[in-house]
Amino acid sequence: MKKVVTWGLVISYIALCIAICVIGIKIFDGNYDIVAEGCIAFIFLLISCGCNIYRAFSNRCPHCGKIRLSNGKYCAHCGKEI
């Protein structure tokens, strides 16, 4: 599942950058009809935020099950090697 979330983040960041670039190009050309591109950018922003939240709370210790805040060699809660 972590690979799916990582690929979701990569794809959503790329699509978000493309949507923002299209918005910038349209505004630079004087076309202010950017509602569709704004909605697409907002959707990909929500997807990237959801993936980041999932990644933050899915990093758990295999021994005690508590959330690890760092990627160290030992768990800060139980002290066992990961």
PDB file of N, CA and C in Angstrom:
ATOM      1  N   MET A   1       0.820  -1.196   0.000  1.00  0.00           N
ATOM      2  CA  MET A   1       0.000   0.000   0.000  1.00  0.00           C
ATOM      3  C   MET A   1       0.863   1.258   0.000  1.00  0.00           C
ATOM      4  N   LYS A   2       2.075   1.172   0.589  1.00  0.00           N
ATOM      5  CA  LYS A   2       2.923   2.350   0.634  1.00  0.00           C
ATOM      6  C   LYS A   2       3.397   2.747  -0.753  1.00  0.00           C
ATOM      7  N   LYS A   3       3.606   1.771  -1.643  1.00  0.00           N
ATOM      8  CA  LYS A   3       4.011   2.095  -3.009  1.00  0.00           C
ATOM      9  C   LYS A   3       2.882   2.793  -3.756  1.00  0.00           C
ATOM     10  N   VAL A   4       1.655   2.354  -3.514  1.00  0.00           N
ATOM     11  CA  VAL A   4       0.503   2.978  -4.161  1.00  0.00           C
ATOM     12  C   VAL A   4       0.373   4.432  -3.710  1.00  0.00           C
ATOM     13  N   VAL A   5       0.555   4.669  -2.417  1.00  0.00           N
ATOM     14  CA  VAL A   5       0.459   6.024  -1.891  1.00  0.00           C
ATOM     15  C   VAL A   5       1.594   6.891  -2.437  1.00  0.00           C
ATOM     16  N   THR A   6       2.795   6.322  -2.528  1.00  0.00           N
ATOM     17  CA  THR A   6       3.922   7.079  -3.063  1.00  0.00           C
ATOM     18  C   THR A   6       3.697   7.438  -4.522  1.00  0.00           C
ATOM     19  N   TRP A   7       3.237   6.488  -5.313  1.00  0.00           N
ATOM     20  CA  TRP A   7       2.943   6.786  -6.719  1.00  0.00           C
ATOM     21  C   TRP A   7       1.780   7.762  -6.844  1.00  0.00           C
ATOM     22  N   GLY A   8       0.796   7.654  -5.951  1.00  0.00           N
ATOM     23  CA  GLY A   8      -0.296   8.625  -5.955  1.00  0.00           C
ATOM     24  C   GLY A   8       0.201  10.032  -5.690  1.00  0.00           C
ATOM     25  N   LEU A   9       1.160  10.151  -4.763  1.00  0.00           N
ATOM     26  CA  LEU A   9       1.751  11.464  -4.490  1.00  0.00           C
ATOM     27  C   LEU A   9       2.498  12.003  -5.696  1.00  0.00           C
ATOM     28  N   VAL A  10       3.296  11.167  -6.320  1.00  0.00           N
ATOM     29  CA  VAL A  10       4.085  11.609  -7.472  1.00  0.00           C
ATOM     30  C   VAL A  10       3.173  12.056  -8.607  1.00  0.00           C
ATOM     31  N   ILE A  11       2.183  11.249  -8.913  1.00  0.00           N
ATOM     32  CA  ILE A  11       1.276  11.575 -10.014  1.00  0.00           C
ATOM     33  C   ILE A  11       0.454  12.822  -9.693  1.00  0.00           C
ATOM     34  N   SER A  12      -0.002  12.938  -8.452  1.00  0.00           N
ATOM     35  CA  SER A  12      -0.814  14.109  -8.099  1.00  0.00           C
ATOM     36  C   SER A  12       0.025  15.386  -8.106  1.00  0.00           C
ATOM     37  N   TYR A  13       1.293  15.324  -7.682  1.00  0.00           N
ATOM     38  CA  TYR A  13       2.148  16.505  -7.738  1.00  0.00           C
ATOM     39  C   TYR A  13       2.420  16.928  -9.179  1.00  0.00           C
ATOM     40  N   ILE A  14       2.672  15.950 -10.045  1.00  0.00           N
ATOM     41  CA  ILE A  14       2.922  16.271 -11.452  1.00  0.00           C
ATOM     42  C   ILE A  14       1.679  16.892 -12.093  1.00  0.00           C
ATOM     43  N   ALA A  15       0.516  16.281 -11.853  1.00  0.00           N
ATOM     44  CA  ALA A  15      -0.725  16.804 -12.425  1.00  0.00           C
ATOM     45  C   ALA A  15      -1.062  18.178 -11.845  1.00  0.00           C
ATOM     46  N   LEU A  16      -0.769  18.384 -10.564  1.00  0.00           N
ATOM     47  CA  LEU A  16      -1.014  19.687  -9.945  1.00  0.00           C
ATOM     48  C   LEU A  16      -0.125  20.754 -10.573  1.00  0.00           C
ATOM     49  N   CYS A  17       1.134  20.432 -10.805  1.00  0.00           N
ATOM     50  CA  CYS A  17       2.038  21.394 -11.453  1.00  0.00           C
ATOM     51  C   CYS A  17       1.585  21.712 -12.874  1.00  0.00           C
ATOM     52  N   ILE A  18       1.134  20.707 -13.606  1.00  0.00           N
ATOM     53  CA  ILE A  18       0.654  20.934 -14.968  1.00  0.00           C
ATOM     54  C   ILE A  18      -0.583  21.830 -14.955  1.00  0.00           C
ATOM     55  N   ALA A  19      -1.515  21.556 -14.029  1.00  0.00           N
ATOM     56  CA  ALA A  19      -2.736  22.367 -13.951  1.00  0.00           C
ATOM     57  C   ALA A  19      -2.419  23.813 -13.586  1.00  0.00           C
ATOM     58  N   ILE A  20      -1.497  24.015 -12.664  1.00  0.00           N
ATOM     59  CA  ILE A  20      -1.126  25.375 -12.280  1.00  0.00           C
ATOM     60  C   ILE A  20      -0.422  26.083 -13.429  1.00  0.00           C
ATOM     61  N   CYS A  21       0.407  25.359 -14.179  1.00  0.00           N
ATOM     62  CA  CYS A  21       1.063  25.964 -15.347  1.00  0.00           C
ATOM     63  C   CYS A  21       0.049  26.362 -16.412  1.00  0.00           C
ATOM     64  N   VAL A  22      -0.958  25.526 -16.630  1.00  0.00           N
ATOM     65  CA  VAL A  22      -2.002  25.858 -17.606  1.00  0.00           C
ATOM     66  C   VAL A  22      -2.776  27.093 -17.146  1.00  0.00           C
ATOM     67  N   ILE A  23      -3.062  27.170 -15.859  1.00  0.00           N
ATOM     68  CA  ILE A  23      -3.739  28.363 -15.331  1.00  0.00           C
ATOM     69  C   ILE A  23      -2.889  29.603 -15.567  1.00  0.00           C
ATOM     70  N   GLY A  24      -1.592  29.498 -15.294  1.00  0.00           N
ATOM     71  CA  GLY A  24      -0.702  30.637 -15.501  1.00  0.00           C
ATOM     72  C   GLY A  24      -0.622  31.061 -16.947  1.00  0.00           C
ATOM     73  N   ILE A  25      -0.557  30.097 -17.853  1.00  0.00           N
ATOM     74  CA  ILE A  25      -0.490  30.414 -19.283  1.00  0.00           C
ATOM     75  C   ILE A  25      -1.784  31.087 -19.744  1.00  0.00           C
ATOM     76  N   LYS A  26      -2.932  30.579 -19.267  1.00  0.00           N
ATOM     77  CA  LYS A  26      -4.206  31.179 -19.670  1.00  0.00           C
ATOM     78  C   LYS A  26      -4.339  32.600 -19.143  1.00  0.00           C
ATOM     79  N   ILE A  27      -3.913  32.838 -17.911  1.00  0.00           N
ATOM     80  CA  ILE A  27      -3.983  34.190 -17.358  1.00  0.00           C
ATOM     81  C   ILE A  27      -3.023  35.117 -18.097  1.00  0.00           C
ATOM     82  N   PHE A  28      -1.830  34.613 -18.433  1.00  0.00           N
ATOM     83  CA  PHE A  28      -0.853  35.425 -19.152  1.00  0.00           C
ATOM     84  C   PHE A  28      -1.370  35.828 -20.529  1.00  0.00           C
ATOM     85  N   ASP A  29      -2.160  34.951 -21.167  1.00  0.00           N
ATOM     86  CA  ASP A  29      -2.741  35.263 -22.472  1.00  0.00           C
ATOM     87  C   ASP A  29      -3.978  36.154 -22.383  1.00  0.00           C
ATOM     88  N   GLY A  30      -4.444  36.417 -21.183  1.00  0.00           N
ATOM     89  CA  GLY A  30      -5.609  37.285 -21.023  1.00  0.00           C
ATOM     90  C   GLY A  30      -6.918  36.532 -20.952  1.00  0.00           C
ATOM     91  N   ASN A  31      -6.889  35.228 -20.924  1.00  0.00           N
ATOM     92  CA  ASN A  31      -8.086  34.410 -20.815  1.00  0.00           C
ATOM     93  C   ASN A  31      -8.302  34.095 -19.337  1.00  0.00           C
ATOM     94  N   TYR A  32      -9.346  34.664 -18.752  1.00  0.00           N
ATOM     95  CA  TYR A  32      -9.572  34.490 -17.325  1.00  0.00           C
ATOM     96  C   TYR A  32     -10.620  33.422 -17.020  1.00  0.00           C
ATOM     97  N   ASP A  33     -10.924  32.561 -17.973  1.00  0.00           N
ATOM     98  CA  ASP A  33     -11.862  31.458 -17.767  1.00  0.00           C
ATOM     99  C   ASP A  33     -11.052  30.241 -17.305  1.00  0.00           C
ATOM    100  N   ILE A  34     -10.769  30.173 -16.001  1.00  0.00           N
ATOM    101  CA  ILE A  34      -9.900  29.120 -15.470  1.00  0.00           C
ATOM    102  C   ILE A  34     -10.612  28.249 -14.434  1.00  0.00           C
ATOM    103  N   VAL A  35     -11.927  28.187 -14.498  1.00  0.00           N
ATOM    104  CA  VAL A  35     -12.692  27.433 -13.510  1.00  0.00           C
ATOM    105  C   VAL A  35     -12.388  25.937 -13.601  1.00  0.00           C
ATOM    106  N   ALA A  36     -12.349  25.393 -14.790  1.00  0.00           N
ATOM    107  CA  ALA A  36     -12.106  23.956 -14.948  1.00  0.00           C
ATOM    108  C   ALA A  36     -10.707  23.577 -14.470  1.00  0.00           C
ATOM    109  N   GLU A  37      -9.716  24.363 -14.843  1.00  0.00           N
ATOM    110  CA  GLU A  37      -8.351  24.074 -14.417  1.00  0.00           C
ATOM    111  C   GLU A  37      -8.203  24.239 -12.912  1.00  0.00           C
ATOM    112  N   GLY A  38      -8.907  25.214 -12.346  1.00  0.00           N
ATOM    113  CA  GLY A  38      -8.880  25.406 -10.897  1.00  0.00           C
ATOM    114  C   GLY A  38      -9.485  24.229 -10.158  1.00  0.00           C
ATOM    115  N   CYS A  39     -10.568  23.685 -10.687  1.00  0.00           N
ATOM    116  CA  CYS A  39     -11.190  22.509 -10.068  1.00  0.00           C
ATOM    117  C   CYS A  39     -10.278  21.292 -10.158  1.00  0.00           C
ATOM    118  N   ILE A  40      -9.632  21.119 -11.297  1.00  0.00           N
ATOM    119  CA  ILE A  40      -8.702  19.999 -11.463  1.00  0.00           C
ATOM    120  C   ILE A  40      -7.525  20.147 -10.499  1.00  0.00           C
ATOM    121  N   ALA A  41      -6.981  21.343 -10.372  1.00  0.00           N
ATOM    122  CA  ALA A  41      -5.871  21.581  -9.447  1.00  0.00           C
ATOM    123  C   ALA A  41      -6.308  21.322  -8.009  1.00  0.00           C
ATOM    124  N   PHE A  42      -7.518  21.737  -7.653  1.00  0.00           N
ATOM    125  CA  PHE A  42      -8.022  21.519  -6.300  1.00  0.00           C
ATOM    126  C   PHE A  42      -8.188  20.035  -6.001  1.00  0.00           C
ATOM    127  N   ILE A  43      -8.678  19.264  -6.964  1.00  0.00           N
ATOM    128  CA  ILE A  43      -8.847  17.820  -6.768  1.00  0.00           C
ATOM    129  C   ILE A  43      -7.496  17.154  -6.541  1.00  0.00           C
ATOM    130  N   PHE A  44      -6.501  17.501  -7.342  1.00  0.00           N
ATOM    131  CA  PHE A  44      -5.188  16.892  -7.160  1.00  0.00           C
ATOM    132  C   PHE A  44      -4.519  17.376  -5.883  1.00  0.00           C
ATOM    133  N   LEU A  45      -4.822  18.580  -5.433  1.00  0.00           N
ATOM    134  CA  LEU A  45      -4.320  19.055  -4.152  1.00  0.00           C
ATOM    135  C   LEU A  45      -4.914  18.242  -3.011  1.00  0.00           C
ATOM    136  N   LEU A  46      -6.198  17.936  -3.086  1.00  0.00           N
ATOM    137  CA  LEU A  46      -6.840  17.107  -2.066  1.00  0.00           C
ATOM    138  C   LEU A  46      -6.266  15.693  -2.067  1.00  0.00           C
ATOM    139  N   ILE A  47      -6.003  15.138  -3.246  1.00  0.00           N
ATOM    140  CA  ILE A  47      -5.413  13.797  -3.335  1.00  0.00           C
ATOM    141  C   ILE A  47      -4.033  13.781  -2.703  1.00  0.00           C
ATOM    142  N   SER A  48      -3.223  14.786  -2.986  1.00  0.00           N
ATOM    143  CA  SER A  48      -1.880  14.824  -2.411  1.00  0.00           C
ATOM    144  C   SER A  48      -1.924  15.021  -0.896  1.00  0.00           C
ATOM    145  N   CYS A  49      -2.861  15.821  -0.404  1.00  0.00           N
ATOM    146  CA  CYS A  49      -2.993  15.992   1.046  1.00  0.00           C
ATOM    147  C   CYS A  49      -3.433  14.688   1.713  1.00  0.00           C
ATOM    148  N   GLY A  50      -4.360  13.980   1.091  1.00  0.00           N
ATOM    149  CA  GLY A  50      -4.800  12.700   1.623  1.00  0.00           C
ATOM    150  C   GLY A  50      -3.683  11.669   1.657  1.00  0.00           C
ATOM    151  N   CYS A  51      -2.876  11.630   0.612  1.00  0.00           N
ATOM    152  CA  CYS A  51      -1.741  10.694   0.581  1.00  0.00           C
ATOM    153  C   CYS A  51      -0.715  11.052   1.650  1.00  0.00           C
ATOM    154  N   ASN A  52      -0.463  12.336   1.847  1.00  0.00           N
ATOM    155  CA  ASN A  52       0.483  12.752   2.885  1.00  0.00           C
ATOM    156  C   ASN A  52      -0.021  12.410   4.281  1.00  0.00           C
ATOM    157  N   ILE A  53      -1.295  12.585   4.521  1.00  0.00           N
ATOM    158  CA  ILE A  53      -1.866  12.237   5.824  1.00  0.00           C
ATOM    159  C   ILE A  53      -1.789  10.733   6.045  1.00  0.00           C
ATOM    160  N   TYR A  54      -2.077   9.948   5.019  1.00  0.00           N
ATOM    161  CA  TYR A  54      -1.987   8.492   5.150  1.00  0.00           C
ATOM    162  C   TYR A  54      -0.557   8.060   5.448  1.00  0.00           C
ATOM    163  N   ARG A  55       0.416   8.662   4.756  1.00  0.00           N
ATOM    164  CA  ARG A  55       1.816   8.304   4.992  1.00  0.00           C
ATOM    165  C   ARG A  55       2.256   8.674   6.399  1.00  0.00           C
ATOM    166  N   ALA A  56       1.752   9.782   6.926  1.00  0.00           N
ATOM    167  CA  ALA A  56       2.153  10.213   8.258  1.00  0.00           C
ATOM    168  C   ALA A  56       1.642   9.274   9.346  1.00  0.00           C
ATOM    169  N   PHE A  57       0.441   8.735   9.160  1.00  0.00           N
ATOM    170  CA  PHE A  57      -0.146   7.903  10.199  1.00  0.00           C
ATOM    171  C   PHE A  57      -0.012   6.406   9.944  1.00  0.00           C
ATOM    172  N   SER A  58       0.637   5.997   8.866  1.00  0.00           N
ATOM    173  CA  SER A  58       0.791   4.562   8.609  1.00  0.00           C
ATOM    174  C   SER A  58       2.161   4.040   9.007  1.00  0.00           C
ATOM    175  N   ASN A  59       3.032   4.907   9.482  1.00  0.00           N
ATOM    176  CA  ASN A  59       4.373   4.516   9.887  1.00  0.00           C
ATOM    177  C   ASN A  59       4.323   4.071  11.346  1.00  0.00           C
ATOM    178  N   ARG A  60       4.097   2.776  11.582  1.00  0.00           N
ATOM    179  CA  ARG A  60       3.937   2.245  12.937  1.00  0.00           C
ATOM    180  C   ARG A  60       5.040   1.249  13.274  1.00  0.00           C
ATOM    181  N   CYS A  61       5.297   1.121  14.550  1.00  0.00           N
ATOM    182  CA  CYS A  61       6.265   0.146  15.044  1.00  0.00           C
ATOM    183  C   CYS A  61       5.657  -1.254  14.917  1.00  0.00           C
ATOM    184  N   PRO A  62       6.405  -2.232  14.405  1.00  0.00           N
ATOM    185  CA  PRO A  62       5.850  -3.587  14.288  1.00  0.00           C
ATOM    186  C   PRO A  62       5.705  -4.294  15.628  1.00  0.00           C
ATOM    187  N   HIS A  63       6.355  -3.791  16.679  1.00  0.00           N
ATOM    188  CA  HIS A  63       6.306  -4.459  17.978  1.00  0.00           C
ATOM    189  C   HIS A  63       5.204  -3.910  18.878  1.00  0.00           C
ATOM    190  N   CYS A  64       5.161  -2.579  19.045  1.00  0.00           N
ATOM    191  CA  CYS A  64       4.176  -2.000  19.964  1.00  0.00           C
ATOM    192  C   CYS A  64       2.978  -1.391  19.241  1.00  0.00           C
ATOM    193  N   GLY A  65       3.105  -1.102  17.945  1.00  0.00           N
ATOM    194  CA  GLY A  65       1.995  -0.577  17.172  1.00  0.00           C
ATOM    195  C   GLY A  65       1.796   0.924  17.273  1.00  0.00           C
ATOM    196  N   LYS A  66       2.674   1.617  17.987  1.00  0.00           N
ATOM    197  CA  LYS A  66       2.539   3.070  18.111  1.00  0.00           C
ATOM    198  C   LYS A  66       3.165   3.755  16.903  1.00  0.00           C
ATOM    199  N   ILE A  67       2.699   4.968  16.627  1.00  0.00           N
ATOM    200  CA  ILE A  67       3.162   5.718  15.462  1.00  0.00           C
ATOM    201  C   ILE A  67       4.603   6.164  15.700  1.00  0.00           C
ATOM    202  N   ARG A  68       5.463   5.870  14.719  1.00  0.00           N
ATOM    203  CA  ARG A  68       6.858   6.307  14.786  1.00  0.00           C
ATOM    204  C   ARG A  68       6.972   7.672  14.135  1.00  0.00           C
ATOM    205  N   LEU A  69       7.638   8.590  14.792  1.00  0.00           N
ATOM    206  CA  LEU A  69       7.798   9.933  14.268  1.00  0.00           C
ATOM    207  C   LEU A  69       9.107  10.117  13.523  1.00  0.00           C
ATOM    208  N   SER A  70       9.998   9.140  13.619  1.00  0.00           N
ATOM    209  CA  SER A  70      11.267   9.206  12.911  1.00  0.00           C
ATOM    210  C   SER A  70      11.535   7.859  12.254  1.00  0.00           C
ATOM    211  N   ASN A  71      12.516   7.833  11.380  1.00  0.00           N
ATOM    212  CA  ASN A  71      12.875   6.599  10.698  1.00  0.00           C
ATOM    213  C   ASN A  71      14.155   6.016  11.284  1.00  0.00           C
ATOM    214  N   GLY A  72      14.319   6.108  12.579  1.00  0.00           N
ATOM    215  CA  GLY A  72      15.508   5.604  13.250  1.00  0.00           C
ATOM    216  C   GLY A  72      15.543   4.088  13.299  1.00  0.00           C
ATOM    217  N   LYS A  73      16.617   3.582  13.898  1.00  0.00           N
ATOM    218  CA  LYS A  73      16.827   2.138  13.982  1.00  0.00           C
ATOM    219  C   LYS A  73      16.013   1.517  15.106  1.00  0.00           C
ATOM    220  N   TYR A  74      15.671   2.311  16.135  1.00  0.00           N
ATOM    221  CA  TYR A  74      14.944   1.811  17.293  1.00  0.00           C
ATOM    222  C   TYR A  74      13.646   2.587  17.473  1.00  0.00           C
ATOM    223  N   CYS A  75      12.660   1.929  18.070  1.00  0.00           N
ATOM    224  CA  CYS A  75      11.381   2.573  18.364  1.00  0.00           C
ATOM    225  C   CYS A  75      11.552   3.463  19.587  1.00  0.00           C
ATOM    226  N   ALA A  76      11.000   4.672  19.541  1.00  0.00           N
ATOM    227  CA  ALA A  76      11.111   5.599  20.667  1.00  0.00           C
ATOM    228  C   ALA A  76      10.212   5.195  21.833  1.00  0.00           C
ATOM    229  N   HIS A  77       9.192   4.383  21.584  1.00  0.00           N
ATOM    230  CA  HIS A  77       8.244   4.009  22.635  1.00  0.00           C
ATOM    231  C   HIS A  77       8.668   2.734  23.354  1.00  0.00           C
ATOM    232  N   CYS A  78       8.997   1.681  22.609  1.00  0.00           N
ATOM    233  CA  CYS A  78       9.314   0.403  23.240  1.00  0.00           C
ATOM    234  C   CYS A  78      10.811   0.122  23.279  1.00  0.00           C
ATOM    235  N   GLY A  79      11.605   0.798  22.459  1.00  0.00           N
ATOM    236  CA  GLY A  79      13.044   0.629  22.476  1.00  0.00           C
ATOM    237  C   GLY A  79      13.563  -0.567  21.700  1.00  0.00           C
ATOM    238  N   LYS A  80      12.691  -1.284  21.025  1.00  0.00           N
ATOM    239  CA  LYS A  80      13.117  -2.463  20.261  1.00  0.00           C
ATOM    240  C   LYS A  80      13.613  -2.045  18.890  1.00  0.00           C
ATOM    241  N   GLU A  81      14.506  -2.868  18.347  1.00  0.00           N
ATOM    242  CA  GLU A  81      15.062  -2.585  17.020  1.00  0.00           C
ATOM    243  C   GLU A  81      14.026  -2.900  15.949  1.00  0.00           C
ATOM    244  N   ILE A  82      13.955  -2.029  14.986  1.00  0.00           N
ATOM    245  CA  ILE A  82      12.974  -2.201  13.908  1.00  0.00           C
ATOM    246  C   ILE A  82      13.645  -2.834  12.714  1.00  0.00           C
TER     247      ILE A  82
END
